[in-house]
Amino acid sequence: MAWWKAWMEQEGVSVKGSSHFNPDPDAETLYKAMKGIGTNEQAVIDVLTKRSNVQRQQIAKSFKAQFGKDLVETLKSELSGKFERLIIALMYPPYRYEAKELHDAMKGMGTKEGVIIEILASRTKNQLREIMKAYEEDYGSNLEEDIQADTSGYLERILVCLLQGSRDDVSGFVDPGLAIQDAQDLYAAGEKIHGTDEMKFITILCTRSATHLMRVFEEYEKIANKSIEDSIRSETHGSLEEAMLTVVKCTRNIHSYFAERLYYAMKGAGTRDGTLIRNIVSRSEIDLNLIKSQFKKLYGKTLSSMVMEDTSGDYKNALLNLVGSDS
């Protein structure tokens, strides 16, 4: 499934929300769960992981109207650690959440390039536009300018190019002549010369539609006798390599890309909780079920079984609710 078709396919949605929804009793349940000494975490999980994002926003409104308190602030004061991080992520409207993740990736010392690459390479033009708008509203600065201030060289250029969202083309039209020309240009820019013409790679990867790029990758393999991925690996390194490979992965199969992100967030010692939380939360109402089936195909085990092995306590229970059953 190519990335531009992956949005909002009903069978892909793992969190569908409550069909007989009334925010007032939910708000009351949450209030009682956090009132007095101690917190009933299970009640928090039962309400917030079983509602859609739109419903969670209504619960927050009702909570404030009934009890005169901000729900998110109350959750922050009652919960802690990874569980808190997950529940607060669920409370953000989607574009504001992605804007927050980008902002967090750039603030303070060091930049988490991986987060920026993941979000910019996997979102559509409309989504990027909404994320930029939310970023400006919440942080009072321009996302593109912040990325430019925070990165440099070819990585900066590929990120700024991705942010323009020029890869969207739902028409699916491919000009075979241009595809062959692009493949020849990529070959000439990389394998054929000493050194690499990075800008040529960036321009083609960031401005051509996904359907067109699939054809380019095919033609490239005929000319170079190796895949575009292999060439990128041998011609570039570091974050630029990661950014280019991410564009290729999202073009080929966006569900496989997210399955891989989730797998490597949990594989080996320690868990990259930021990646785990962000991808489960942000895909739960889009295509998490499709990611789950790809995950099983690629790794021979289910996403929920890996979450079960790798996490614990309330954090685990909340994640498993979001991931849903593996039927």
C-alpha atoms as a PDB file:
ATOM      1  CA  MET A   1       0.000   0.000   0.000  1.00  0.00           C
ATOM      2  CA  ALA A   2       1.598   3.253  -1.072  1.00  0.00           C
ATOM      3  CA  TRP A   3       1.647   6.038   1.463  1.00  0.00           C
ATOM      4  CA  TRP A   4      -0.689   8.506  -0.185  1.00  0.00           C
ATOM      5  CA  LYS A   5      -3.527   5.963  -0.241  1.00  0.00           C
ATOM      6  CA  ALA A   6      -3.082   4.885   3.359  1.00  0.00           C
ATOM      7  CA  TRP A   7      -5.093   7.623   5.020  1.00  0.00           C
ATOM      8  CA  MET A   8      -8.342   6.937   6.794  1.00  0.00           C
ATOM      9  CA  GLU A   9      -9.132   3.494   5.480  1.00  0.00           C
ATOM     10  CA  GLN A  10     -11.711   2.220   7.933  1.00  0.00           C
ATOM     11  CA  GLU A  11     -10.298  -1.301   8.190  1.00  0.00           C
ATOM     12  CA  GLY A  12      -6.980   0.239   9.206  1.00  0.00           C
ATOM     13  CA  VAL A  13      -8.362   2.019  12.267  1.00  0.00           C
ATOM     14  CA  SER A  14      -7.621   0.296  15.578  1.00  0.00           C
ATOM     15  CA  VAL A  15      -9.269   2.911  17.836  1.00  0.00           C
ATOM     16  CA  LYS A  16     -12.804   3.641  16.673  1.00  0.00           C
ATOM     17  CA  GLY A  17     -14.229   5.373  19.728  1.00  0.00           C
ATOM     18  CA  SER A  18     -17.494   4.728  21.500  1.00  0.00           C
ATOM     19  CA  SER A  19     -20.677   4.446  19.448  1.00  0.00           C
ATOM     20  CA  HIS A  20     -23.029   5.499  22.299  1.00  0.00           C
ATOM     21  CA  PHE A  21     -20.913   8.402  23.365  1.00  0.00           C
ATOM     22  CA  ASN A  22     -21.725  10.914  26.070  1.00  0.00           C
ATOM     23  CA  PRO A  23     -18.787  12.955  27.384  1.00  0.00           C
ATOM     24  CA  ASP A  24     -20.362  13.855  30.746  1.00  0.00           C
ATOM     25  CA  PRO A  25     -20.273  10.439  32.468  1.00  0.00           C
ATOM     26  CA  ASP A  26     -16.771   9.861  31.044  1.00  0.00           C
ATOM     27  CA  ALA A  27     -15.590  13.152  32.531  1.00  0.00           C
ATOM     28  CA  GLU A  28     -17.183  12.180  35.841  1.00  0.00           C
ATOM     29  CA  THR A  29     -15.479   8.751  35.797  1.00  0.00           C
ATOM     30  CA  LEU A  30     -12.115  10.452  35.241  1.00  0.00           C
ATOM     31  CA  TYR A  31     -12.787  12.988  37.999  1.00  0.00           C
ATOM     32  CA  LYS A  32     -13.611  10.229  40.498  1.00  0.00           C
ATOM     33  CA  ALA A  33     -10.578   8.190  39.354  1.00  0.00           C
ATOM     34  CA  MET A  34      -8.265  11.088  40.249  1.00  0.00           C
ATOM     35  CA  LYS A  35     -10.026  12.545  43.282  1.00  0.00           C
ATOM     36  CA  GLY A  36      -8.483  12.206  46.720  1.00  0.00           C
ATOM     37  CA  ILE A  37      -5.440  10.078  47.525  1.00  0.00           C
ATOM     38  CA  GLY A  38      -4.202   7.755  44.825  1.00  0.00           C
ATOM     39  CA  THR A  39      -5.414   7.327  41.265  1.00  0.00           C
ATOM     40  CA  ASN A  40      -7.512   4.620  39.658  1.00  0.00           C
ATOM     41  CA  GLU A  41      -5.284   4.169  36.586  1.00  0.00           C
ATOM     42  CA  GLN A  42      -7.447   1.419  35.124  1.00  0.00           C
ATOM     43  CA  ALA A  43     -10.437   3.769  34.954  1.00  0.00           C
ATOM     44  CA  VAL A  44      -8.287   6.327  33.104  1.00  0.00           C
ATOM     45  CA  ILE A  45      -7.176   3.626  30.658  1.00  0.00           C
ATOM     46  CA  ASP A  46     -10.718   2.323  30.131  1.00  0.00           C
ATOM     47  CA  VAL A  47     -12.062   5.739  29.223  1.00  0.00           C
ATOM     48  CA  LEU A  48      -9.255   7.357  27.231  1.00  0.00           C
ATOM     49  CA  THR A  49      -7.967   4.414  25.176  1.00  0.00           C
ATOM     50  CA  LYS A  50     -11.495   3.421  24.125  1.00  0.00           C
ATOM     51  CA  ARG A  51     -12.498   6.820  22.754  1.00  0.00           C
ATOM     52  CA  SER A  52     -11.574   8.542  19.504  1.00  0.00           C
ATOM     53  CA  ASN A  53      -9.520  11.723  19.587  1.00  0.00           C
ATOM     54  CA  VAL A  54     -12.574  13.858  18.814  1.00  0.00           C
ATOM     55  CA  GLN A  55     -14.382  12.232  21.740  1.00  0.00           C
ATOM     56  CA  ARG A  56     -11.418  12.855  24.068  1.00  0.00           C
ATOM     57  CA  GLN A  57     -11.576  16.573  23.222  1.00  0.00           C
ATOM     58  CA  GLN A  58     -15.264  16.609  24.184  1.00  0.00           C
ATOM     59  CA  ILE A  59     -14.503  14.804  27.450  1.00  0.00           C
ATOM     60  CA  ALA A  60     -11.910  17.491  28.253  1.00  0.00           C
ATOM     61  CA  LYS A  61     -14.513  20.218  27.625  1.00  0.00           C
ATOM     62  CA  SER A  62     -17.072  18.465  29.808  1.00  0.00           C
ATOM     63  CA  PHE A  63     -14.464  17.932  32.549  1.00  0.00           C
ATOM     64  CA  LYS A  64     -13.743  21.659  32.676  1.00  0.00           C
ATOM     65  CA  ALA A  65     -17.444  22.587  32.574  1.00  0.00           C
ATOM     66  CA  GLN A  66     -18.383  20.179  35.368  1.00  0.00           C
ATOM     67  CA  PHE A  67     -15.377  20.450  37.667  1.00  0.00           C
ATOM     68  CA  GLY A  68     -13.661  23.718  36.776  1.00  0.00           C
ATOM     69  CA  LYS A  69     -10.333  21.969  36.147  1.00  0.00           C
ATOM     70  CA  ASP A  70      -8.208  21.360  33.092  1.00  0.00           C
ATOM     71  CA  LEU A  71      -8.221  17.624  32.296  1.00  0.00           C
ATOM     72  CA  VAL A  72      -4.720  17.522  30.811  1.00  0.00           C
ATOM     73  CA  GLU A  73      -3.212  19.389  33.779  1.00  0.00           C
ATOM     74  CA  THR A  74      -5.053  17.093  36.186  1.00  0.00           C
ATOM     75  CA  LEU A  75      -3.772  13.996  34.355  1.00  0.00           C
ATOM     76  CA  LYS A  76      -0.233  15.403  34.429  1.00  0.00           C
ATOM     77  CA  SER A  77      -0.407  15.960  38.185  1.00  0.00           C
ATOM     78  CA  GLU A  78      -1.837  12.482  38.888  1.00  0.00           C
ATOM     79  CA  LEU A  79       0.146  10.272  36.493  1.00  0.00           C
ATOM     80  CA  SER A  80       3.858   9.803  35.955  1.00  0.00           C
ATOM     81  CA  GLY A  81       6.525   8.283  33.726  1.00  0.00           C
ATOM     82  CA  LYS A  82       5.860   6.580  30.410  1.00  0.00           C
ATOM     83  CA  PHE A  83       2.198   6.023  31.258  1.00  0.00           C
ATOM     84  CA  GLU A  84       1.711   9.765  31.718  1.00  0.00           C
ATOM     85  CA  ARG A  85       3.532  10.441  28.466  1.00  0.00           C
ATOM     86  CA  LEU A  86       1.226   8.059  26.592  1.00  0.00           C
ATOM     87  CA  ILE A  87      -2.020   9.365  28.102  1.00  0.00           C
ATOM     88  CA  ILE A  88      -1.050  13.017  27.476  1.00  0.00           C
ATOM     89  CA  ALA A  89      -0.183  12.101  23.857  1.00  0.00           C
ATOM     90  CA  LEU A  90      -3.721  10.756  23.462  1.00  0.00           C
ATOM     91  CA  MET A  91      -5.177  14.071  24.645  1.00  0.00           C
ATOM     92  CA  TYR A  92      -3.559  16.191  21.926  1.00  0.00           C
ATOM     93  CA  PRO A  93      -5.514  16.797  18.709  1.00  0.00           C
ATOM     94  CA  PRO A  94      -3.512  14.945  15.995  1.00  0.00           C
ATOM     95  CA  TYR A  95      -1.805  17.878  14.245  1.00  0.00           C
ATOM     96  CA  ARG A  96      -0.975  19.589  17.515  1.00  0.00           C
ATOM     97  CA  TYR A  97       0.549  16.335  18.725  1.00  0.00           C
ATOM     98  CA  GLU A  98       2.802  16.063  15.688  1.00  0.00           C
ATOM     99  CA  ALA A  99       3.753  19.735  16.025  1.00  0.00           C
ATOM    100  CA  LYS A 100       4.666  19.049  19.665  1.00  0.00           C
ATOM    101  CA  GLU A 101       6.796  16.039  18.692  1.00  0.00           C
ATOM    102  CA  LEU A 102       8.668  18.179  16.144  1.00  0.00           C
ATOM    103  CA  HIS A 103       9.109  20.984  18.655  1.00  0.00           C
ATOM    104  CA  ASP A 104      10.412  18.580  21.316  1.00  0.00           C
ATOM    105  CA  ALA A 105      12.801  17.049  18.769  1.00  0.00           C
ATOM    106  CA  MET A 106      14.445  20.442  18.258  1.00  0.00           C
ATOM    107  CA  LYS A 107      14.404  22.073  21.676  1.00  0.00           C
ATOM    108  CA  GLY A 108      17.334  21.931  24.076  1.00  0.00           C
ATOM    109  CA  MET A 109      20.690  20.370  23.336  1.00  0.00           C
ATOM    110  CA  GLY A 110      20.975  18.163  20.285  1.00  0.00           C
ATOM    111  CA  THR A 111      18.338  17.459  17.680  1.00  0.00           C
ATOM    112  CA  LYS A 112      16.439  14.193  17.292  1.00  0.00           C
ATOM    113  CA  GLU A 113      16.711  14.074  13.517  1.00  0.00           C
ATOM    114  CA  GLY A 114      14.992  10.694  13.362  1.00  0.00           C
ATOM    115  CA  VAL A 115      11.711  12.143  14.652  1.00  0.00           C
ATOM    116  CA  ILE A 116      11.746  14.993  12.133  1.00  0.00           C
ATOM    117  CA  ILE A 117      12.579  12.634   9.259  1.00  0.00           C
ATOM    118  CA  GLU A 118       9.836  10.181  10.254  1.00  0.00           C
ATOM    119  CA  ILE A 119       7.094  12.805  10.409  1.00  0.00           C
ATOM    120  CA  LEU A 120       8.048  14.830   7.320  1.00  0.00           C
ATOM    121  CA  ALA A 121       8.655  11.836   5.047  1.00  0.00           C
ATOM    122  CA  SER A 122       5.441  10.008   5.912  1.00  0.00           C
ATOM    123  CA  ARG A 123       2.789  12.748   5.886  1.00  0.00           C
ATOM    124  CA  THR A 124       0.764  14.114   2.976  1.00  0.00           C
ATOM    125  CA  LYS A 125       0.814  17.722   1.803  1.00  0.00           C
ATOM    126  CA  ASN A 126      -2.443  18.568   3.612  1.00  0.00           C
ATOM    127  CA  GLN A 127      -1.230  16.994   6.827  1.00  0.00           C
ATOM    128  CA  LEU A 128       2.061  18.878   6.649  1.00  0.00           C
ATOM    129  CA  ARG A 129       0.139  22.103   6.105  1.00  0.00           C
ATOM    130  CA  GLU A 130      -1.996  21.446   9.208  1.00  0.00           C
ATOM    131  CA  ILE A 131       1.083  20.508  11.257  1.00  0.00           C
ATOM    132  CA  MET A 132       2.802  23.773  10.235  1.00  0.00           C
ATOM    133  CA  LYS A 133      -0.293  25.737  11.203  1.00  0.00           C
ATOM    134  CA  ALA A 134      -0.542  23.998  14.593  1.00  0.00           C
ATOM    135  CA  TYR A 135       3.192  24.529  15.172  1.00  0.00           C
ATOM    136  CA  GLU A 136       2.917  28.248  14.542  1.00  0.00           C
ATOM    137  CA  GLU A 137      -0.176  28.576  16.773  1.00  0.00           C
ATOM    138  CA  ASP A 138       1.323  26.630  19.683  1.00  0.00           C
ATOM    139  CA  TYR A 139       4.957  27.759  19.578  1.00  0.00           C
ATOM    140  CA  GLY A 140       4.770  31.153  17.887  1.00  0.00           C
ATOM    141  CA  SER A 141       7.454  30.286  15.365  1.00  0.00           C
ATOM    142  CA  ASN A 142       7.715  28.983  11.834  1.00  0.00           C
ATOM    143  CA  LEU A 143       8.434  25.244  11.492  1.00  0.00           C
ATOM    144  CA  GLU A 144      10.490  25.619   8.328  1.00  0.00           C
ATOM    145  CA  GLU A 145      12.656  28.343   9.875  1.00  0.00           C
ATOM    146  CA  ASP A 146      13.167  26.289  13.031  1.00  0.00           C
ATOM    147  CA  ILE A 147      14.245  23.259  10.995  1.00  0.00           C
ATOM    148  CA  GLN A 148      16.670  25.462   9.059  1.00  0.00           C
ATOM    149  CA  ALA A 149      18.089  26.863  12.300  1.00  0.00           C
ATOM    150  CA  ASP A 150      18.433  23.410  13.802  1.00  0.00           C
ATOM    151  CA  THR A 151      19.908  21.370  10.951  1.00  0.00           C
ATOM    152  CA  SER A 152      22.468  22.055   8.259  1.00  0.00           C
ATOM    153  CA  GLY A 153      23.875  20.915   4.938  1.00  0.00           C
ATOM    154  CA  TYR A 154      22.046  18.412   2.775  1.00  0.00           C
ATOM    155  CA  LEU A 155      19.932  17.172   5.685  1.00  0.00           C
ATOM    156  CA  GLU A 156      18.497  20.676   6.083  1.00  0.00           C
ATOM    157  CA  ARG A 157      17.778  20.797   2.358  1.00  0.00           C
ATOM    158  CA  ILE A 158      16.004  17.446   2.191  1.00  0.00           C
ATOM    159  CA  LEU A 159      13.862  18.308   5.250  1.00  0.00           C
ATOM    160  CA  VAL A 160      12.869  21.690   3.819  1.00  0.00           C
ATOM    161  CA  CYS A 161      12.063  20.026   0.472  1.00  0.00           C
ATOM    162  CA  LEU A 162       9.926  17.369   2.202  1.00  0.00           C
ATOM    163  CA  LEU A 163       8.064  20.040   4.121  1.00  0.00           C
ATOM    164  CA  GLN A 164       6.806  21.504   0.827  1.00  0.00           C
ATOM    165  CA  GLY A 165       4.800  18.323   0.297  1.00  0.00           C
ATOM    166  CA  SER A 166       5.462  18.222  -3.428  1.00  0.00           C
ATOM    167  CA  ARG A 167       5.270  14.408  -3.598  1.00  0.00           C
ATOM    168  CA  ASP A 168       1.492  14.281  -3.465  1.00  0.00           C
ATOM    169  CA  ASP A 169      -0.134  13.209  -6.662  1.00  0.00           C
ATOM    170  CA  VAL A 170      -3.234  11.135  -6.350  1.00  0.00           C
ATOM    171  CA  SER A 171      -3.798  11.040 -10.113  1.00  0.00           C
ATOM    172  CA  GLY A 172      -1.256   8.239 -10.384  1.00  0.00           C
ATOM    173  CA  PHE A 173      -0.024   9.546 -13.738  1.00  0.00           C
ATOM    174  CA  VAL A 174       3.477   8.395 -14.680  1.00  0.00           C
ATOM    175  CA  ASP A 175       5.480   9.703 -17.622  1.00  0.00           C
ATOM    176  CA  PRO A 176       7.623   6.664 -18.573  1.00  0.00           C
ATOM    177  CA  GLY A 177      10.123   8.854 -20.409  1.00  0.00           C
ATOM    178  CA  LEU A 178      10.665  11.079 -17.374  1.00  0.00           C
ATOM    179  CA  ALA A 179      10.943   8.013 -15.116  1.00  0.00           C
ATOM    180  CA  ILE A 180      13.777   6.632 -17.270  1.00  0.00           C
ATOM    181  CA  GLN A 181      15.427  10.075 -17.368  1.00  0.00           C
ATOM    182  CA  ASP A 182      15.194  10.358 -13.556  1.00  0.00           C
ATOM    183  CA  ALA A 183      16.688   6.887 -13.126  1.00  0.00           C
ATOM    184  CA  GLN A 184      19.576   7.815 -15.455  1.00  0.00           C
ATOM    185  CA  ASP A 185      20.075  11.107 -13.583  1.00  0.00           C
ATOM    186  CA  LEU A 186      20.206   9.275 -10.233  1.00  0.00           C
ATOM    187  CA  TYR A 187      22.718   6.796 -11.639  1.00  0.00           C
ATOM    188  CA  ALA A 188      24.837   9.612 -13.032  1.00  0.00           C
ATOM    189  CA  ALA A 189      24.609  11.469  -9.711  1.00  0.00           C
ATOM    190  CA  GLY A 190      25.768   8.501  -7.636  1.00  0.00           C
ATOM    191  CA  GLU A 191      27.188   5.225  -8.858  1.00  0.00           C
ATOM    192  CA  LYS A 192      28.719   6.599 -12.025  1.00  0.00           C
ATOM    193  CA  ILE A 193      30.901   9.312 -10.509  1.00  0.00           C
ATOM    194  CA  HIS A 194      33.380   9.655  -7.703  1.00  0.00           C
ATOM    195  CA  GLY A 195      31.487  11.476  -5.015  1.00  0.00           C
ATOM    196  CA  THR A 196      27.764  12.057  -5.105  1.00  0.00           C
ATOM    197  CA  ASP A 197      25.534  14.798  -6.454  1.00  0.00           C
ATOM    198  CA  GLU A 198      23.299  14.829  -3.359  1.00  0.00           C
ATOM    199  CA  MET A 199      21.039  17.594  -4.647  1.00  0.00           C
ATOM    200  CA  LYS A 200      19.968  15.498  -7.623  1.00  0.00           C
ATOM    201  CA  PHE A 201      18.907  12.672  -5.280  1.00  0.00           C
ATOM    202  CA  ILE A 202      17.096  15.130  -3.012  1.00  0.00           C
ATOM    203  CA  THR A 203      15.234  16.852  -5.852  1.00  0.00           C
ATOM    204  CA  ILE A 204      13.991  13.640  -7.434  1.00  0.00           C
ATOM    205  CA  LEU A 205      13.059  11.940  -4.130  1.00  0.00           C
ATOM    206  CA  CYS A 206      11.246  15.002  -2.790  1.00  0.00           C
ATOM    207  CA  THR A 207       9.385  16.350  -5.800  1.00  0.00           C
ATOM    208  CA  ARG A 208       8.176  13.285  -7.696  1.00  0.00           C
ATOM    209  CA  SER A 209       4.945  11.507  -6.838  1.00  0.00           C
ATOM    210  CA  ALA A 210       5.027   8.094  -5.200  1.00  0.00           C
ATOM    211  CA  THR A 211       3.634   6.326  -8.288  1.00  0.00           C
ATOM    212  CA  HIS A 212       6.277   7.989 -10.429  1.00  0.00           C
ATOM    213  CA  LEU A 213       9.069   7.099  -7.985  1.00  0.00           C
ATOM    214  CA  MET A 214       8.066   3.427  -7.987  1.00  0.00           C
ATOM    215  CA  ARG A 215       8.681   3.422 -11.725  1.00  0.00           C
ATOM    216  CA  VAL A 216      11.971   5.301 -11.282  1.00  0.00           C
ATOM    217  CA  PHE A 217      13.183   2.688  -8.763  1.00  0.00           C
ATOM    218  CA  GLU A 218      12.374  -0.091 -11.245  1.00  0.00           C
ATOM    219  CA  GLU A 219      14.243   1.631 -14.075  1.00  0.00           C
ATOM    220  CA  TYR A 220      17.144   2.436 -11.749  1.00  0.00           C
ATOM    221  CA  GLU A 221      17.619  -1.202 -10.852  1.00  0.00           C
ATOM    222  CA  LYS A 222      17.841  -2.109 -14.547  1.00  0.00           C
ATOM    223  CA  ILE A 223      20.536   0.514 -15.163  1.00  0.00           C
ATOM    224  CA  ALA A 224      22.585   0.130 -11.967  1.00  0.00           C
ATOM    225  CA  ASN A 225      22.105  -3.594 -11.298  1.00  0.00           C
ATOM    226  CA  LYS A 226      21.387  -2.751  -7.679  1.00  0.00           C
ATOM    227  CA  SER A 227      18.462  -1.310  -5.769  1.00  0.00           C
ATOM    228  CA  ILE A 228      18.117   2.401  -5.079  1.00  0.00           C
ATOM    229  CA  GLU A 229      18.404   1.546  -1.351  1.00  0.00           C
ATOM    230  CA  ASP A 230      21.788  -0.111  -1.866  1.00  0.00           C
ATOM    231  CA  SER A 231      23.036   2.896  -3.793  1.00  0.00           C
ATOM    232  CA  ILE A 232      21.827   5.334  -1.120  1.00  0.00           C
ATOM    233  CA  ARG A 233      23.593   3.246   1.537  1.00  0.00           C
ATOM    234  CA  SER A 234      26.861   3.262  -0.361  1.00  0.00           C
ATOM    235  CA  GLU A 235      26.686   6.912  -1.470  1.00  0.00           C
ATOM    236  CA  THR A 236      25.489   8.665   1.699  1.00  0.00           C
ATOM    237  CA  HIS A 237      25.662   8.209   5.459  1.00  0.00           C
ATOM    238  CA  GLY A 238      24.213   9.421   8.745  1.00  0.00           C
ATOM    239  CA  SER A 239      20.976  11.387   8.918  1.00  0.00           C
ATOM    240  CA  LEU A 240      20.948  12.200   5.188  1.00  0.00           C
ATOM    241  CA  GLU A 241      21.064   8.468   4.413  1.00  0.00           C
ATOM    242  CA  GLU A 242      18.261   7.865   6.929  1.00  0.00           C
ATOM    243  CA  ALA A 243      16.135  10.624   5.366  1.00  0.00           C
ATOM    244  CA  MET A 244      16.586   9.326   1.804  1.00  0.00           C
ATOM    245  CA  LEU A 245      15.915   5.715   2.805  1.00  0.00           C
ATOM    246  CA  THR A 246      12.792   6.803   4.703  1.00  0.00           C
ATOM    247  CA  VAL A 247      11.397   8.497   1.580  1.00  0.00           C
ATOM    248  CA  VAL A 248      12.052   5.296  -0.384  1.00  0.00           C
ATOM    249  CA  LYS A 249      10.465   3.093   2.307  1.00  0.00           C
ATOM    250  CA  CYS A 250       7.362   5.287   2.589  1.00  0.00           C
ATOM    251  CA  THR A 251       7.053   5.278  -1.195  1.00  0.00           C
ATOM    252  CA  ARG A 252       7.284   1.503  -1.455  1.00  0.00           C
ATOM    253  CA  ASN A 253       5.020   0.618   1.493  1.00  0.00           C
ATOM    254  CA  ILE A 254       4.133   3.011   4.287  1.00  0.00           C
ATOM    255  CA  HIS A 255       2.715   0.262   6.509  1.00  0.00           C
ATOM    256  CA  SER A 256       5.981  -1.681   6.322  1.00  0.00           C
ATOM    257  CA  TYR A 257       7.844   1.507   7.209  1.00  0.00           C
ATOM    258  CA  PHE A 258       5.827   2.042  10.399  1.00  0.00           C
ATOM    259  CA  ALA A 259       6.015  -1.675  11.259  1.00  0.00           C
ATOM    260  CA  GLU A 260       9.805  -1.385  11.054  1.00  0.00           C
ATOM    261  CA  ARG A 261       9.818   1.761  13.237  1.00  0.00           C
ATOM    262  CA  LEU A 262       7.774  -0.048  15.891  1.00  0.00           C
ATOM    263  CA  TYR A 263       9.872  -3.228  15.706  1.00  0.00           C
ATOM    264  CA  TYR A 264      13.183  -1.430  16.182  1.00  0.00           C
ATOM    265  CA  ALA A 265      11.696   0.700  18.960  1.00  0.00           C
ATOM    266  CA  MET A 266      11.358  -2.520  20.965  1.00  0.00           C
ATOM    267  CA  LYS A 267      14.048  -4.836  19.606  1.00  0.00           C
ATOM    268  CA  GLY A 268      17.151  -5.433  21.709  1.00  0.00           C
ATOM    269  CA  ALA A 269      17.927  -3.968  25.105  1.00  0.00           C
ATOM    270  CA  GLY A 270      15.777  -1.047  26.235  1.00  0.00           C
ATOM    271  CA  THR A 271      12.754   0.436  24.531  1.00  0.00           C
ATOM    272  CA  ARG A 272      12.598   3.640  22.530  1.00  0.00           C
ATOM    273  CA  ASP A 273       9.380   4.712  24.181  1.00  0.00           C
ATOM    274  CA  GLY A 274       9.097   8.017  22.313  1.00  0.00           C
ATOM    275  CA  THR A 275       8.965   6.183  18.971  1.00  0.00           C
ATOM    276  CA  LEU A 276       6.619   3.514  20.324  1.00  0.00           C
ATOM    277  CA  ILE A 277       4.159   6.021  21.798  1.00  0.00           C
ATOM    278  CA  ARG A 278       4.226   8.414  18.832  1.00  0.00           C
ATOM    279  CA  ASN A 279       3.624   5.761  16.200  1.00  0.00           C
ATOM    280  CA  ILE A 280       0.934   3.831  18.056  1.00  0.00           C
ATOM    281  CA  VAL A 281      -0.923   7.019  19.026  1.00  0.00           C
ATOM    282  CA  SER A 282      -0.619   8.787  15.678  1.00  0.00           C
ATOM    283  CA  ARG A 283      -1.564   5.745  13.565  1.00  0.00           C
ATOM    284  CA  SER A 284      -4.292   4.308  15.845  1.00  0.00           C
ATOM    285  CA  GLU A 285      -7.048   6.196  14.014  1.00  0.00           C
ATOM    286  CA  ILE A 286      -5.502   5.890  10.561  1.00  0.00           C
ATOM    287  CA  ASP A 287      -3.953   2.553   9.633  1.00  0.00           C
ATOM    288  CA  LEU A 288      -2.602   0.734  12.691  1.00  0.00           C
ATOM    289  CA  ASN A 289      -4.426  -2.498  11.777  1.00  0.00           C
ATOM    290  CA  LEU A 290      -2.714  -2.508   8.375  1.00  0.00           C
ATOM    291  CA  ILE A 291       0.626  -1.834  10.081  1.00  0.00           C
ATOM    292  CA  LYS A 292      -0.078  -4.779  12.417  1.00  0.00           C
ATOM    293  CA  SER A 293      -0.584  -7.232   9.562  1.00  0.00           C
ATOM    294  CA  GLN A 294       2.589  -5.976   7.868  1.00  0.00           C
ATOM    295  CA  PHE A 295       4.424  -6.324  11.207  1.00  0.00           C
ATOM    296  CA  LYS A 296       3.411  -9.972  11.481  1.00  0.00           C
ATOM    297  CA  LYS A 297       4.420 -10.636   7.885  1.00  0.00           C
ATOM    298  CA  LEU A 298       7.852  -9.041   8.333  1.00  0.00           C
ATOM    299  CA  TYR A 299       8.778 -10.281  11.809  1.00  0.00           C
ATOM    300  CA  GLY A 300       6.776 -13.471  12.330  1.00  0.00           C
ATOM    301  CA  LYS A 301       5.225 -12.218  15.566  1.00  0.00           C
ATOM    302  CA  THR A 302       2.392  -9.902  16.445  1.00  0.00           C
ATOM    303  CA  LEU A 303       2.817  -6.282  17.483  1.00  0.00           C
ATOM    304  CA  SER A 304       0.795  -6.902  20.657  1.00  0.00           C
ATOM    305  CA  SER A 305       2.987  -9.862  21.691  1.00  0.00           C
ATOM    306  CA  MET A 306       6.074  -7.685  21.379  1.00  0.00           C
ATOM    307  CA  VAL A 307       4.439  -4.836  23.330  1.00  0.00           C
ATOM    308  CA  MET A 308       3.529  -7.388  25.994  1.00  0.00           C
ATOM    309  CA  GLU A 309       7.131  -8.626  26.305  1.00  0.00           C
ATOM    310  CA  ASP A 310       8.675  -5.198  26.205  1.00  0.00           C
ATOM    311  CA  THR A 311       6.515  -3.009  28.446  1.00  0.00           C
ATOM    312  CA  SER A 312       4.811  -3.358  31.821  1.00  0.00           C
ATOM    313  CA  GLY A 313       2.085  -2.119  34.151  1.00  0.00           C
ATOM    314  CA  ASP A 314      -0.470   0.538  33.231  1.00  0.00           C
ATOM    315  CA  TYR A 315       1.712   1.653  30.326  1.00  0.00           C
ATOM    316  CA  LYS A 316       1.506  -1.851  28.807  1.00  0.00           C
ATOM    317  CA  ASN A 317      -2.261  -2.139  29.379  1.00  0.00           C
ATOM    318  CA  ALA A 318      -2.933   1.227  27.733  1.00  0.00           C
ATOM    319  CA  LEU A 319      -0.723   0.396  24.725  1.00  0.00           C
ATOM    320  CA  LEU A 320      -2.403  -2.998  24.269  1.00  0.00           C
ATOM    321  CA  ASN A 321      -5.835  -1.353  24.274  1.00  0.00           C
ATOM    322  CA  LEU A 322      -4.704   1.013  21.529  1.00  0.00           C
ATOM    323  CA  VAL A 323      -3.099  -1.745  19.465  1.00  0.00           C
ATOM    324  CA  GLY A 324      -6.270  -3.851  19.711  1.00  0.00           C
ATOM    325  CA  SER A 325      -6.657  -7.553  19.042  1.00  0.00           C
ATOM    326  CA  ASP A 326      -4.621  -9.414  16.455  1.00  0.00           C
ATOM    327  CA  SER A 327      -7.524 -11.182  14.836  1.00  0.00           C
END
